[in-house]
Amino acid sequence: MRTGDLSSAGGAHEYLEDSRLIAQFQRLTTELLIEKRLGRRRPELTDELYRTWLEVDQRDLKETPEYRNVMKRADRHALWLAGLVMLSNSDAAAPLSSKETEPIVTDEAA
């Protein structure tokens, strides 16, 4: 994520660790946003996100384009996933066979 010489093994390892950390931060942020939208909360998730955020901050990754992209993607992804969860738990969804089992009465049939 940070610019530098990736030709050395240490530079490549650091880049992979930064990528792993950014991906973990995105996953945790997305999970937390989903829980917030659904009205649920797990304190252990908040703690893990905070520890990861501190590591991101210590590595100076908050100023990278990857970090900014993660924040945008996590918000959109959480909104989409929370919507799916709400739809799948909705009692308002009609069964697929409702047209077959409940005939519509028209003026002609009455």
N, C-alpha and C. Protein backbone atom coordinates (compact mmCIF):
# COMPACT_ATOMS: atom_id res chain seq x y z
N MET A 1 0.81 -1.18 0.00
CA MET A 1 0.00 0.00 0.00
C MET A 1 0.87 1.26 0.00
N ARG A 2 1.87 1.25 0.84
CA ARG A 2 2.77 2.40 0.84
C ARG A 2 3.73 2.27 -0.32
N THR A 3 4.16 3.41 -0.83
CA THR A 3 5.10 3.36 -1.94
C THR A 3 6.46 2.97 -1.41
N GLY A 4 7.18 2.27 -2.21
CA GLY A 4 8.52 1.85 -1.79
C GLY A 4 9.03 0.78 -2.71
N ASP A 5 10.22 0.28 -2.40
CA ASP A 5 10.84 -0.75 -3.20
C ASP A 5 10.30 -2.11 -2.79
N LEU A 6 9.55 -2.74 -3.69
CA LEU A 6 8.98 -4.05 -3.41
C LEU A 6 9.87 -5.18 -3.92
N SER A 7 11.07 -4.85 -4.42
CA SER A 7 11.92 -5.89 -4.97
C SER A 7 12.53 -6.75 -3.87
N SER A 8 12.66 -6.24 -2.67
CA SER A 8 13.21 -7.04 -1.59
C SER A 8 12.12 -7.88 -0.95
N ALA A 9 12.52 -8.97 -0.34
CA ALA A 9 11.55 -9.85 0.31
C ALA A 9 10.85 -9.13 1.45
N GLY A 10 11.55 -8.29 2.18
CA GLY A 10 10.93 -7.54 3.27
C GLY A 10 9.87 -6.58 2.77
N GLY A 11 10.12 -5.91 1.66
CA GLY A 11 9.15 -4.98 1.10
C GLY A 11 7.90 -5.69 0.62
N ALA A 12 8.08 -6.84 -0.01
CA ALA A 12 6.93 -7.62 -0.49
C ALA A 12 6.12 -8.14 0.68
N HIS A 13 6.81 -8.59 1.73
CA HIS A 13 6.11 -9.09 2.93
C HIS A 13 5.32 -7.97 3.59
N GLU A 14 5.92 -6.79 3.68
CA GLU A 14 5.23 -5.65 4.29
C GLU A 14 4.01 -5.26 3.46
N TYR A 15 4.13 -5.27 2.15
CA TYR A 15 3.01 -4.96 1.26
C TYR A 15 1.87 -5.95 1.46
N LEU A 16 2.20 -7.25 1.57
CA LEU A 16 1.18 -8.27 1.79
C LEU A 16 0.51 -8.10 3.15
N GLU A 17 1.28 -7.77 4.16
CA GLU A 17 0.72 -7.53 5.49
C GLU A 17 -0.22 -6.32 5.47
N ASP A 18 0.19 -5.26 4.77
CA ASP A 18 -0.67 -4.08 4.65
C ASP A 18 -1.96 -4.43 3.93
N SER A 19 -1.86 -5.23 2.87
CA SER A 19 -3.05 -5.64 2.11
C SER A 19 -3.97 -6.48 2.98
N ARG A 20 -3.39 -7.40 3.74
CA ARG A 20 -4.17 -8.24 4.64
C ARG A 20 -4.88 -7.38 5.69
N LEU A 21 -4.17 -6.42 6.23
CA LEU A 21 -4.74 -5.55 7.26
C LEU A 21 -5.88 -4.69 6.70
N ILE A 22 -5.70 -4.16 5.51
CA ILE A 22 -6.75 -3.36 4.87
C ILE A 22 -7.98 -4.24 4.60
N ALA A 23 -7.77 -5.46 4.13
CA ALA A 23 -8.90 -6.37 3.87
C ALA A 23 -9.62 -6.72 5.16
N GLN A 24 -8.88 -6.97 6.23
CA GLN A 24 -9.49 -7.27 7.52
C GLN A 24 -10.29 -6.07 8.02
N PHE A 25 -9.72 -4.89 7.86
CA PHE A 25 -10.41 -3.67 8.29
C PHE A 25 -11.71 -3.48 7.51
N GLN A 26 -11.68 -3.75 6.21
CA GLN A 26 -12.90 -3.64 5.39
C GLN A 26 -13.95 -4.63 5.86
N ARG A 27 -13.56 -5.86 6.11
CA ARG A 27 -14.52 -6.88 6.55
C ARG A 27 -15.16 -6.49 7.87
N LEU A 28 -14.35 -6.06 8.82
CA LEU A 28 -14.87 -5.69 10.14
C LEU A 28 -15.77 -4.46 10.06
N THR A 29 -15.36 -3.48 9.25
CA THR A 29 -16.17 -2.27 9.08
C THR A 29 -17.52 -2.61 8.46
N THR A 30 -17.49 -3.46 7.44
CA THR A 30 -18.74 -3.87 6.79
C THR A 30 -19.65 -4.59 7.78
N GLU A 31 -19.09 -5.52 8.56
CA GLU A 31 -19.89 -6.24 9.54
C GLU A 31 -20.51 -5.29 10.56
N LEU A 32 -19.72 -4.33 11.03
CA LEU A 32 -20.23 -3.39 12.02
C LEU A 32 -21.35 -2.52 11.45
N LEU A 33 -21.18 -2.07 10.22
CA LEU A 33 -22.21 -1.26 9.58
C LEU A 33 -23.49 -2.05 9.35
N ILE A 34 -23.36 -3.32 8.99
CA ILE A 34 -24.54 -4.18 8.83
C ILE A 34 -25.27 -4.31 10.16
N GLU A 35 -24.52 -4.60 11.20
CA GLU A 35 -25.14 -4.74 12.53
C GLU A 35 -25.83 -3.45 12.95
N LYS A 36 -25.20 -2.34 12.65
CA LYS A 36 -25.81 -1.05 13.01
C LYS A 36 -27.13 -0.85 12.28
N ARG A 37 -27.15 -1.16 10.99
CA ARG A 37 -28.37 -0.99 10.19
C ARG A 37 -29.48 -1.96 10.62
N LEU A 38 -29.08 -3.12 11.14
CA LEU A 38 -30.06 -4.11 11.55
C LEU A 38 -30.44 -3.98 13.03
N GLY A 39 -29.81 -3.04 13.72
CA GLY A 39 -30.12 -2.83 15.13
C GLY A 39 -29.53 -3.88 16.05
N ARG A 40 -28.46 -4.48 15.65
CA ARG A 40 -27.78 -5.49 16.47
C ARG A 40 -26.40 -4.98 16.82
N ARG A 41 -25.81 -5.55 17.86
CA ARG A 41 -24.47 -5.12 18.25
C ARG A 41 -23.76 -6.24 18.99
N ARG A 42 -22.52 -6.51 18.55
CA ARG A 42 -21.65 -7.46 19.24
C ARG A 42 -20.43 -6.69 19.74
N PRO A 43 -20.27 -6.55 21.05
CA PRO A 43 -19.13 -5.79 21.59
C PRO A 43 -17.78 -6.32 21.13
N GLU A 44 -17.67 -7.64 20.95
CA GLU A 44 -16.38 -8.20 20.53
C GLU A 44 -16.01 -7.74 19.12
N LEU A 45 -16.99 -7.51 18.26
CA LEU A 45 -16.73 -7.00 16.92
C LEU A 45 -16.21 -5.56 16.99
N THR A 46 -16.83 -4.77 17.85
CA THR A 46 -16.37 -3.38 18.04
C THR A 46 -14.93 -3.36 18.54
N ASP A 47 -14.61 -4.24 19.48
CA ASP A 47 -13.25 -4.30 20.01
C ASP A 47 -12.24 -4.70 18.94
N GLU A 48 -12.59 -5.72 18.14
CA GLU A 48 -11.68 -6.17 17.09
C GLU A 48 -11.48 -5.09 16.03
N LEU A 49 -12.56 -4.39 15.68
CA LEU A 49 -12.44 -3.30 14.71
C LEU A 49 -11.55 -2.19 15.26
N TYR A 50 -11.70 -1.86 16.52
CA TYR A 50 -10.88 -0.81 17.12
C TYR A 50 -9.40 -1.21 17.11
N ARG A 51 -9.09 -2.45 17.49
CA ARG A 51 -7.69 -2.90 17.48
C ARG A 51 -7.12 -2.85 16.06
N THR A 52 -7.92 -3.26 15.08
CA THR A 52 -7.46 -3.23 13.69
C THR A 52 -7.26 -1.79 13.23
N TRP A 53 -8.18 -0.90 13.60
CA TRP A 53 -8.05 0.51 13.24
C TRP A 53 -6.77 1.09 13.81
N LEU A 54 -6.44 0.74 15.07
CA LEU A 54 -5.19 1.22 15.67
C LEU A 54 -3.98 0.76 14.88
N GLU A 55 -3.99 -0.48 14.43
CA GLU A 55 -2.88 -1.00 13.64
C GLU A 55 -2.79 -0.29 12.28
N VAL A 56 -3.93 -0.04 11.66
CA VAL A 56 -3.96 0.71 10.40
C VAL A 56 -3.35 2.09 10.62
N ASP A 57 -3.71 2.72 11.72
CA ASP A 57 -3.20 4.06 12.05
C ASP A 57 -1.70 4.02 12.31
N GLN A 58 -1.23 3.02 13.06
CA GLN A 58 0.20 2.91 13.38
C GLN A 58 1.05 2.68 12.13
N ARG A 59 0.49 2.02 11.14
CA ARG A 59 1.22 1.76 9.89
C ARG A 59 1.06 2.89 8.88
N ASP A 60 0.39 3.96 9.27
CA ASP A 60 0.17 5.12 8.39
C ASP A 60 -0.56 4.75 7.11
N LEU A 61 -1.53 3.85 7.22
CA LEU A 61 -2.28 3.43 6.04
C LEU A 61 -3.54 4.26 5.82
N LYS A 62 -3.89 5.11 6.79
CA LYS A 62 -5.12 5.89 6.67
C LYS A 62 -5.07 6.93 5.56
N GLU A 63 -3.91 7.28 5.11
CA GLU A 63 -3.77 8.28 4.05
C GLU A 63 -3.66 7.66 2.66
N THR A 64 -3.74 6.36 2.58
CA THR A 64 -3.58 5.70 1.28
C THR A 64 -4.90 5.66 0.51
N PRO A 65 -4.83 5.60 -0.81
CA PRO A 65 -6.04 5.47 -1.62
C PRO A 65 -6.80 4.18 -1.29
N GLU A 66 -6.08 3.12 -0.96
CA GLU A 66 -6.72 1.86 -0.62
C GLU A 66 -7.62 2.01 0.60
N TYR A 67 -7.17 2.74 1.59
CA TYR A 67 -7.97 2.96 2.80
C TYR A 67 -9.25 3.73 2.47
N ARG A 68 -9.12 4.79 1.68
CA ARG A 68 -10.30 5.57 1.29
C ARG A 68 -11.28 4.72 0.49
N ASN A 69 -10.77 3.90 -0.41
CA ASN A 69 -11.65 3.02 -1.19
C ASN A 69 -12.35 2.00 -0.29
N VAL A 70 -11.66 1.49 0.70
CA VAL A 70 -12.25 0.54 1.63
C VAL A 70 -13.44 1.17 2.34
N MET A 71 -13.29 2.40 2.77
CA MET A 71 -14.37 3.06 3.51
C MET A 71 -15.60 3.24 2.61
N LYS A 72 -15.38 3.58 1.36
CA LYS A 72 -16.51 3.73 0.43
C LYS A 72 -17.17 2.38 0.15
N ARG A 73 -16.35 1.38 -0.15
CA ARG A 73 -16.89 0.05 -0.47
C ARG A 73 -17.61 -0.57 0.72
N ALA A 74 -17.06 -0.43 1.91
CA ALA A 74 -17.66 -1.04 3.10
C ALA A 74 -19.06 -0.48 3.33
N ASP A 75 -19.23 0.82 3.17
CA ASP A 75 -20.54 1.44 3.39
C ASP A 75 -21.56 0.94 2.37
N ARG A 76 -21.18 0.92 1.10
CA ARG A 76 -22.10 0.44 0.05
C ARG A 76 -22.42 -1.04 0.23
N HIS A 77 -21.41 -1.82 0.53
CA HIS A 77 -21.60 -3.26 0.70
C HIS A 77 -22.48 -3.55 1.91
N ALA A 78 -22.28 -2.83 3.00
CA ALA A 78 -23.09 -3.03 4.20
C ALA A 78 -24.55 -2.68 3.94
N LEU A 79 -24.79 -1.60 3.22
CA LEU A 79 -26.15 -1.19 2.90
C LEU A 79 -26.84 -2.27 2.07
N TRP A 80 -26.14 -2.79 1.08
CA TRP A 80 -26.68 -3.83 0.21
C TRP A 80 -26.97 -5.11 0.99
N LEU A 81 -26.00 -5.57 1.81
CA LEU A 81 -26.18 -6.80 2.57
C LEU A 81 -27.28 -6.67 3.62
N ALA A 82 -27.34 -5.53 4.30
CA ALA A 82 -28.40 -5.32 5.28
C ALA A 82 -29.77 -5.36 4.60
N GLY A 83 -29.86 -4.79 3.41
CA GLY A 83 -31.11 -4.84 2.65
C GLY A 83 -31.50 -6.26 2.31
N LEU A 84 -30.54 -7.08 1.93
CA LEU A 84 -30.82 -8.48 1.65
C LEU A 84 -31.32 -9.22 2.88
N VAL A 85 -30.69 -8.95 4.02
CA VAL A 85 -31.12 -9.61 5.26
C VAL A 85 -32.54 -9.20 5.60
N MET A 86 -32.84 -7.91 5.47
CA MET A 86 -34.19 -7.44 5.78
C MET A 86 -35.22 -8.05 4.83
N LEU A 87 -34.87 -8.17 3.55
CA LEU A 87 -35.78 -8.78 2.59
C LEU A 87 -36.00 -10.26 2.90
N SER A 88 -34.95 -10.96 3.25
CA SER A 88 -35.08 -12.39 3.51
C SER A 88 -35.85 -12.66 4.80
N ASN A 89 -35.86 -11.71 5.73
CA ASN A 89 -36.59 -11.88 6.99
C ASN A 89 -37.98 -11.25 6.95
N SER A 90 -38.34 -10.65 5.84
CA SER A 90 -39.59 -9.92 5.74
C SER A 90 -40.78 -10.87 5.65
N ASP A 91 -41.80 -10.62 6.46
CA ASP A 91 -43.04 -11.39 6.38
C ASP A 91 -43.93 -10.88 5.25
N ALA A 92 -43.61 -9.73 4.72
CA ALA A 92 -44.44 -9.11 3.69
C ALA A 92 -44.24 -9.75 2.32
N ALA A 93 -43.17 -10.54 2.18
CA ALA A 93 -42.91 -11.15 0.88
C ALA A 93 -43.96 -12.22 0.58
N ALA A 94 -44.61 -12.10 -0.57
CA ALA A 94 -45.64 -13.06 -0.98
C ALA A 94 -44.98 -14.33 -1.47
N PRO A 95 -45.59 -15.48 -1.24
CA PRO A 95 -45.04 -16.72 -1.78
C PRO A 95 -45.10 -16.70 -3.30
N LEU A 96 -44.21 -17.45 -3.91
CA LEU A 96 -44.14 -17.45 -5.37
C LEU A 96 -45.41 -18.02 -6.00
N SER A 97 -46.09 -18.91 -5.31
CA SER A 97 -47.26 -19.55 -5.90
C SER A 97 -48.57 -18.86 -5.51
N SER A 98 -48.52 -17.63 -5.04
CA SER A 98 -49.74 -16.97 -4.56
C SER A 98 -50.78 -16.80 -5.66
N LYS A 99 -50.36 -16.59 -6.90
CA LYS A 99 -51.32 -16.41 -7.99
C LYS A 99 -52.06 -17.71 -8.28
N GLU A 100 -51.40 -18.83 -8.07
CA GLU A 100 -52.02 -20.12 -8.34
C GLU A 100 -53.00 -20.53 -7.23
N THR A 101 -52.71 -20.17 -5.99
CA THR A 101 -53.53 -20.62 -4.88
C THR A 101 -54.64 -19.66 -4.50
N GLU A 102 -54.55 -18.41 -4.90
CA GLU A 102 -55.56 -17.42 -4.55
C GLU A 102 -56.08 -16.75 -5.82
N PRO A 103 -57.16 -17.29 -6.40
CA PRO A 103 -57.68 -16.70 -7.64
C PRO A 103 -58.23 -15.31 -7.39
N ILE A 104 -58.09 -14.45 -8.37
CA ILE A 104 -58.59 -13.08 -8.28
C ILE A 104 -60.05 -13.06 -8.74
N VAL A 105 -60.90 -12.48 -7.93
CA VAL A 105 -62.32 -12.36 -8.28
C VAL A 105 -62.52 -11.08 -9.04
N THR A 106 -63.12 -11.20 -10.23
CA THR A 106 -63.43 -10.01 -11.05
C THR A 106 -64.91 -9.80 -11.09
N ASP A 107 -65.34 -8.67 -11.65
CA ASP A 107 -66.76 -8.36 -11.76
C ASP A 107 -67.49 -9.42 -12.61
N GLU A 108 -66.79 -9.95 -13.62
CA GLU A 108 -67.40 -10.94 -14.50
C GLU A 108 -67.68 -12.25 -13.76
N ALA A 109 -66.82 -12.61 -12.82
CA ALA A 109 -66.99 -13.86 -12.08
C ALA A 109 -67.98 -13.74 -10.96
N ALA A 110 -68.24 -12.53 -10.49
CA ALA A 110 -69.14 -12.34 -9.34
C ALA A 110 -70.59 -12.36 -9.72
